């Protein structure tokens, strides 16, 4: 899949999941925000789950995605769990923790994790950036372990349209 960072084309690896798909089982990603537990097997998590992928949590667009997703889900009173995944290291989450201690979402770092697991995760969601360790911006919704919505913005420069993504999910669930 081709996306853009401003005017620059960026090739993504993997395939965007189809509705009803499951992603592979367990991953050993490093806990970085609001948890000391390893990432759970999404196939076994019941209910509504949001997965957010972030290139660099220190950037404005990524930190805004973290904050806006949680605030919008709370405002809509959606009973959901939120997991964020960042390409950058565990220490990169420090600023978000400090500035937004009210956040409840769990965050994980893919840096210094087994390369095969990181590659499998990126490819299963279609958010791996070719020839880079980075993830692309992406939003995914699961219900009882199955994909019910996915959104990988064509324009990666900026914050994904979280309200439109959530509107689509709410329409499909009603």
C-alpha atoms as a PDB file:
ATOM      1  CA  UNK A   1       0.000   0.000   0.000  1.00  0.00           C
ATOM      2  CA  UNK A   2       1.289   3.453  -0.827  1.00  0.00           C
ATOM      3  CA  UNK A   3       0.751   6.371   1.549  1.00  0.00           C
ATOM      4  CA  UNK A   4       2.238   9.845   1.667  1.00  0.00           C
ATOM      5  CA  UNK A   5       4.237  11.881   4.136  1.00  0.00           C
ATOM      6  CA  UNK A   6       3.435  15.304   2.778  1.00  0.00           C
ATOM      7  CA  UNK A   7       4.360  14.971  -0.922  1.00  0.00           C
ATOM      8  CA  UNK A   8       6.760  12.078  -0.373  1.00  0.00           C
ATOM      9  CA  UNK A   9       5.400   8.613  -1.222  1.00  0.00           C
ATOM     10  CA  UNK A  10       5.961   5.905   1.405  1.00  0.00           C
ATOM     11  CA  UNK A  11       5.476   2.182   0.743  1.00  0.00           C
ATOM     12  CA  UNK A  12       3.918   0.103   3.519  1.00  0.00           C
ATOM     13  CA  UNK A  13       4.591  -3.578   4.087  1.00  0.00           C
ATOM     14  CA  UNK A  14       2.031  -6.234   4.844  1.00  0.00           C
ATOM     15  CA  UNK A  15      -1.645  -6.231   4.016  1.00  0.00           C
ATOM     16  CA  UNK A  16      -4.388  -4.259   5.635  1.00  0.00           C
ATOM     17  CA  UNK A  17      -6.582  -6.781   7.480  1.00  0.00           C
ATOM     18  CA  UNK A  18     -10.038  -7.600   6.174  1.00  0.00           C
ATOM     19  CA  UNK A  19     -13.182  -7.458   8.265  1.00  0.00           C
ATOM     20  CA  UNK A  20     -13.450 -10.581  10.408  1.00  0.00           C
ATOM     21  CA  UNK A  21      -9.708 -11.302  10.343  1.00  0.00           C
ATOM     22  CA  UNK A  22      -7.744 -12.089  13.462  1.00  0.00           C
ATOM     23  CA  UNK A  23      -4.141 -11.069  13.913  1.00  0.00           C
ATOM     24  CA  UNK A  24      -1.534 -13.585  15.082  1.00  0.00           C
ATOM     25  CA  UNK A  25      -1.484 -14.573  18.768  1.00  0.00           C
ATOM     26  CA  UNK A  26       0.952 -13.369  21.386  1.00  0.00           C
ATOM     27  CA  UNK A  27       3.656 -10.751  21.047  1.00  0.00           C
ATOM     28  CA  UNK A  28       6.349  -9.895  23.583  1.00  0.00           C
ATOM     29  CA  UNK A  29       6.243  -6.105  23.240  1.00  0.00           C
ATOM     30  CA  UNK A  30       7.640  -3.857  25.957  1.00  0.00           C
ATOM     31  CA  UNK A  31       5.045  -2.194  28.210  1.00  0.00           C
ATOM     32  CA  UNK A  32       5.514   1.572  28.189  1.00  0.00           C
ATOM     33  CA  UNK A  33       2.314   3.350  29.282  1.00  0.00           C
ATOM     34  CA  UNK A  34      -0.076   2.462  32.127  1.00  0.00           C
ATOM     35  CA  UNK A  35       0.958  -1.177  32.367  1.00  0.00           C
ATOM     36  CA  UNK A  36       3.785  -3.450  33.380  1.00  0.00           C
ATOM     37  CA  UNK A  37       2.120  -6.484  31.781  1.00  0.00           C
ATOM     38  CA  UNK A  38       3.021  -7.983  28.453  1.00  0.00           C
ATOM     39  CA  UNK A  39       0.659  -7.372  25.580  1.00  0.00           C
ATOM     40  CA  UNK A  40      -2.340  -9.746  25.738  1.00  0.00           C
ATOM     41  CA  UNK A  41      -3.345 -12.114  22.976  1.00  0.00           C
ATOM     42  CA  UNK A  42      -5.957 -10.054  21.080  1.00  0.00           C
ATOM     43  CA  UNK A  43      -7.702 -13.223  19.939  1.00  0.00           C
ATOM     44  CA  UNK A  44      -8.719 -13.858  23.548  1.00  0.00           C
ATOM     45  CA  UNK A  45      -9.749 -10.328  24.579  1.00  0.00           C
ATOM     46  CA  UNK A  46     -13.531 -10.008  24.759  1.00  0.00           C
ATOM     47  CA  UNK A  47     -15.464  -6.923  23.770  1.00  0.00           C
ATOM     48  CA  UNK A  48     -14.403  -3.826  21.881  1.00  0.00           C
ATOM     49  CA  UNK A  49     -10.669  -3.161  21.544  1.00  0.00           C
ATOM     50  CA  UNK A  50      -8.887  -0.334  19.740  1.00  0.00           C
ATOM     51  CA  UNK A  51      -5.324  -0.675  18.475  1.00  0.00           C
ATOM     52  CA  UNK A  52      -3.478   2.483  17.506  1.00  0.00           C
ATOM     53  CA  UNK A  53      -0.114   2.430  15.700  1.00  0.00           C
ATOM     54  CA  UNK A  54       2.298   5.340  15.981  1.00  0.00           C
ATOM     55  CA  UNK A  55       5.554   6.180  14.162  1.00  0.00           C
ATOM     56  CA  UNK A  56       7.044   8.354  16.925  1.00  0.00           C
ATOM     57  CA  UNK A  57       5.148   9.055  20.123  1.00  0.00           C
ATOM     58  CA  UNK A  58       7.261  12.178  20.750  1.00  0.00           C
ATOM     59  CA  UNK A  59       5.774  13.881  17.696  1.00  0.00           C
ATOM     60  CA  UNK A  60       2.755  16.160  17.947  1.00  0.00           C
ATOM     61  CA  UNK A  61       0.639  14.033  15.583  1.00  0.00           C
ATOM     62  CA  UNK A  62       1.295  10.813  17.517  1.00  0.00           C
ATOM     63  CA  UNK A  63       0.747  12.263  20.966  1.00  0.00           C
ATOM     64  CA  UNK A  64      -2.447  13.914  19.709  1.00  0.00           C
ATOM     65  CA  UNK A  65      -3.633  10.560  18.305  1.00  0.00           C
ATOM     66  CA  UNK A  66      -3.110   8.987  21.762  1.00  0.00           C
ATOM     67  CA  UNK A  67      -4.964  11.764  23.561  1.00  0.00           C
ATOM     68  CA  UNK A  68      -7.790  12.295  21.031  1.00  0.00           C
ATOM     69  CA  UNK A  69      -8.601   8.600  20.690  1.00  0.00           C
ATOM     70  CA  UNK A  70      -9.064   8.180  24.428  1.00  0.00           C
ATOM     71  CA  UNK A  71     -11.009  11.423  24.873  1.00  0.00           C
ATOM     72  CA  UNK A  72     -13.333  10.685  21.966  1.00  0.00           C
ATOM     73  CA  UNK A  73     -14.019   7.113  23.153  1.00  0.00           C
ATOM     74  CA  UNK A  74     -14.742   8.414  26.651  1.00  0.00           C
ATOM     75  CA  UNK A  75     -17.031  11.165  25.304  1.00  0.00           C
ATOM     76  CA  UNK A  76     -19.012   8.576  23.301  1.00  0.00           C
ATOM     77  CA  UNK A  77     -19.154   6.234  26.320  1.00  0.00           C
ATOM     78  CA  UNK A  78     -17.835   3.289  24.322  1.00  0.00           C
ATOM     79  CA  UNK A  79     -16.911   0.372  26.609  1.00  0.00           C
ATOM     80  CA  UNK A  80     -13.522  -0.321  25.052  1.00  0.00           C
ATOM     81  CA  UNK A  81      -9.908  -1.125  25.785  1.00  0.00           C
ATOM     82  CA  UNK A  82      -7.202   0.885  24.007  1.00  0.00           C
ATOM     83  CA  UNK A  83      -3.703  -0.278  23.104  1.00  0.00           C
ATOM     84  CA  UNK A  84      -1.134   2.002  21.471  1.00  0.00           C
ATOM     85  CA  UNK A  85       2.006   0.732  19.727  1.00  0.00           C
ATOM     86  CA  UNK A  86       4.947   2.979  18.955  1.00  0.00           C
ATOM     87  CA  UNK A  87       8.056   2.375  16.866  1.00  0.00           C
ATOM     88  CA  UNK A  88      10.129   4.353  19.322  1.00  0.00           C
ATOM     89  CA  UNK A  89      11.560   3.253  22.660  1.00  0.00           C
ATOM     90  CA  UNK A  90       9.934   2.920  26.044  1.00  0.00           C
ATOM     91  CA  UNK A  91      11.416   6.238  27.250  1.00  0.00           C
ATOM     92  CA  UNK A  92       9.623   8.117  24.468  1.00  0.00           C
ATOM     93  CA  UNK A  93       6.360   7.776  26.404  1.00  0.00           C
ATOM     94  CA  UNK A  94       7.666   9.906  29.292  1.00  0.00           C
ATOM     95  CA  UNK A  95       6.281  13.204  27.978  1.00  0.00           C
ATOM     96  CA  UNK A  96       2.778  11.801  27.430  1.00  0.00           C
ATOM     97  CA  UNK A  97       2.729  10.276  30.933  1.00  0.00           C
ATOM     98  CA  UNK A  98       3.873  13.564  32.421  1.00  0.00           C
ATOM     99  CA  UNK A  99       1.499  15.852  30.492  1.00  0.00           C
ATOM    100  CA  UNK A 100      -1.561  13.568  30.524  1.00  0.00           C
ATOM    101  CA  UNK A 101      -1.589  11.486  33.717  1.00  0.00           C
ATOM    102  CA  UNK A 102      -5.360  10.933  33.292  1.00  0.00           C
ATOM    103  CA  UNK A 103      -4.868   8.611  30.306  1.00  0.00           C
ATOM    104  CA  UNK A 104      -5.953   5.010  30.903  1.00  0.00           C
ATOM    105  CA  UNK A 105      -4.871   3.432  27.599  1.00  0.00           C
ATOM    106  CA  UNK A 106      -1.982   1.002  27.554  1.00  0.00           C
ATOM    107  CA  UNK A 107       1.065   1.702  25.447  1.00  0.00           C
ATOM    108  CA  UNK A 108       3.766  -0.586  24.125  1.00  0.00           C
ATOM    109  CA  UNK A 109       7.128  -0.035  22.481  1.00  0.00           C
ATOM    110  CA  UNK A 110       8.316  -2.174  19.582  1.00  0.00           C
ATOM    111  CA  UNK A 111      11.921  -1.031  19.917  1.00  0.00           C
ATOM    112  CA  UNK A 112      14.343  -3.735  21.118  1.00  0.00           C
ATOM    113  CA  UNK A 113      11.712  -6.462  20.675  1.00  0.00           C
ATOM    114  CA  UNK A 114      12.308  -9.644  18.679  1.00  0.00           C
ATOM    115  CA  UNK A 115      12.577  -8.601  15.010  1.00  0.00           C
ATOM    116  CA  UNK A 116      10.455 -11.527  13.798  1.00  0.00           C
ATOM    117  CA  UNK A 117       7.573 -10.544  16.117  1.00  0.00           C
ATOM    118  CA  UNK A 118       7.754  -6.885  15.132  1.00  0.00           C
ATOM    119  CA  UNK A 119       7.730  -7.844  11.454  1.00  0.00           C
ATOM    120  CA  UNK A 120       4.787 -10.220  11.936  1.00  0.00           C
ATOM    121  CA  UNK A 121       2.808  -7.521  13.792  1.00  0.00           C
ATOM    122  CA  UNK A 122       3.532  -4.866  11.138  1.00  0.00           C
ATOM    123  CA  UNK A 123       2.663  -7.208   8.277  1.00  0.00           C
ATOM    124  CA  UNK A 124      -0.544  -8.457   9.902  1.00  0.00           C
ATOM    125  CA  UNK A 125      -1.858  -4.879  10.162  1.00  0.00           C
ATOM    126  CA  UNK A 126      -0.245  -3.517   6.992  1.00  0.00           C
ATOM    127  CA  UNK A 127       1.477  -0.656   8.835  1.00  0.00           C
ATOM    128  CA  UNK A 128       5.170  -1.478   8.413  1.00  0.00           C
ATOM    129  CA  UNK A 129       7.151   1.236   6.654  1.00  0.00           C
ATOM    130  CA  UNK A 130       9.373  -0.289   3.942  1.00  0.00           C
ATOM    131  CA  UNK A 131      13.099  -0.106   4.657  1.00  0.00           C
ATOM    132  CA  UNK A 132      12.462   1.359   8.117  1.00  0.00           C
ATOM    133  CA  UNK A 133      11.852   0.229  11.685  1.00  0.00           C
ATOM    134  CA  UNK A 134       8.832   2.546  11.881  1.00  0.00           C
ATOM    135  CA  UNK A 135       5.122   1.925  11.978  1.00  0.00           C
ATOM    136  CA  UNK A 136       2.682   4.050  10.012  1.00  0.00           C
ATOM    137  CA  UNK A 137      -0.266   5.803  11.659  1.00  0.00           C
ATOM    138  CA  UNK A 138      -3.141   3.357  11.884  1.00  0.00           C
ATOM    139  CA  UNK A 139      -6.342   2.725  13.814  1.00  0.00           C
ATOM    140  CA  UNK A 140      -7.934  -0.706  14.177  1.00  0.00           C
ATOM    141  CA  UNK A 141     -11.027  -1.892  16.005  1.00  0.00           C
ATOM    142  CA  UNK A 142     -11.554  -5.466  17.166  1.00  0.00           C
ATOM    143  CA  UNK A 143     -14.605  -7.093  18.650  1.00  0.00           C
ATOM    144  CA  UNK A 144     -14.048 -10.406  20.423  1.00  0.00           C
ATOM    145  CA  UNK A 145     -10.702 -10.744  18.652  1.00  0.00           C
ATOM    146  CA  UNK A 146     -11.901 -10.042  15.112  1.00  0.00           C
ATOM    147  CA  UNK A 147     -11.277  -6.911  13.044  1.00  0.00           C
ATOM    148  CA  UNK A 148     -14.413  -4.801  12.639  1.00  0.00           C
ATOM    149  CA  UNK A 149     -12.727  -1.668  11.213  1.00  0.00           C
ATOM    150  CA  UNK A 150      -9.341  -0.439  10.078  1.00  0.00           C
ATOM    151  CA  UNK A 151      -8.026   2.929   8.993  1.00  0.00           C
ATOM    152  CA  UNK A 152      -4.573   3.655   7.600  1.00  0.00           C
ATOM    153  CA  UNK A 153      -4.591   7.275   6.433  1.00  0.00           C
ATOM    154  CA  UNK A 154      -3.290   7.888   2.918  1.00  0.00           C
ATOM    155  CA  UNK A 155      -1.773  11.125   4.246  1.00  0.00           C
ATOM    156  CA  UNK A 156       0.492  10.150   7.130  1.00  0.00           C
ATOM    157  CA  UNK A 157       1.511  13.724   7.894  1.00  0.00           C
ATOM    158  CA  UNK A 158      -0.804  14.830  10.693  1.00  0.00           C
ATOM    159  CA  UNK A 159      -3.402  13.286  12.990  1.00  0.00           C
ATOM    160  CA  UNK A 160      -5.776  10.611  11.611  1.00  0.00           C
ATOM    161  CA  UNK A 161      -9.463  11.542  11.517  1.00  0.00           C
ATOM    162  CA  UNK A 162     -10.479   9.751  14.720  1.00  0.00           C
ATOM    163  CA  UNK A 163     -14.056  11.084  14.791  1.00  0.00           C
ATOM    164  CA  UNK A 164     -14.806   9.731  11.312  1.00  0.00           C
ATOM    165  CA  UNK A 165     -13.277   6.349  12.242  1.00  0.00           C
ATOM    166  CA  UNK A 166     -15.416   6.120  15.402  1.00  0.00           C
ATOM    167  CA  UNK A 167     -18.551   7.273  13.544  1.00  0.00           C
ATOM    168  CA  UNK A 168     -18.089   4.392  11.101  1.00  0.00           C
ATOM    169  CA  UNK A 169     -17.720   1.907  13.969  1.00  0.00           C
ATOM    170  CA  UNK A 170     -20.768   3.189  15.818  1.00  0.00           C
ATOM    171  CA  UNK A 171     -22.869   2.935  12.630  1.00  0.00           C
ATOM    172  CA  UNK A 172     -21.735  -0.634  12.011  1.00  0.00           C
ATOM    173  CA  UNK A 173     -22.476  -1.680  15.605  1.00  0.00           C
ATOM    174  CA  UNK A 174     -25.995  -0.250  15.700  1.00  0.00           C
END
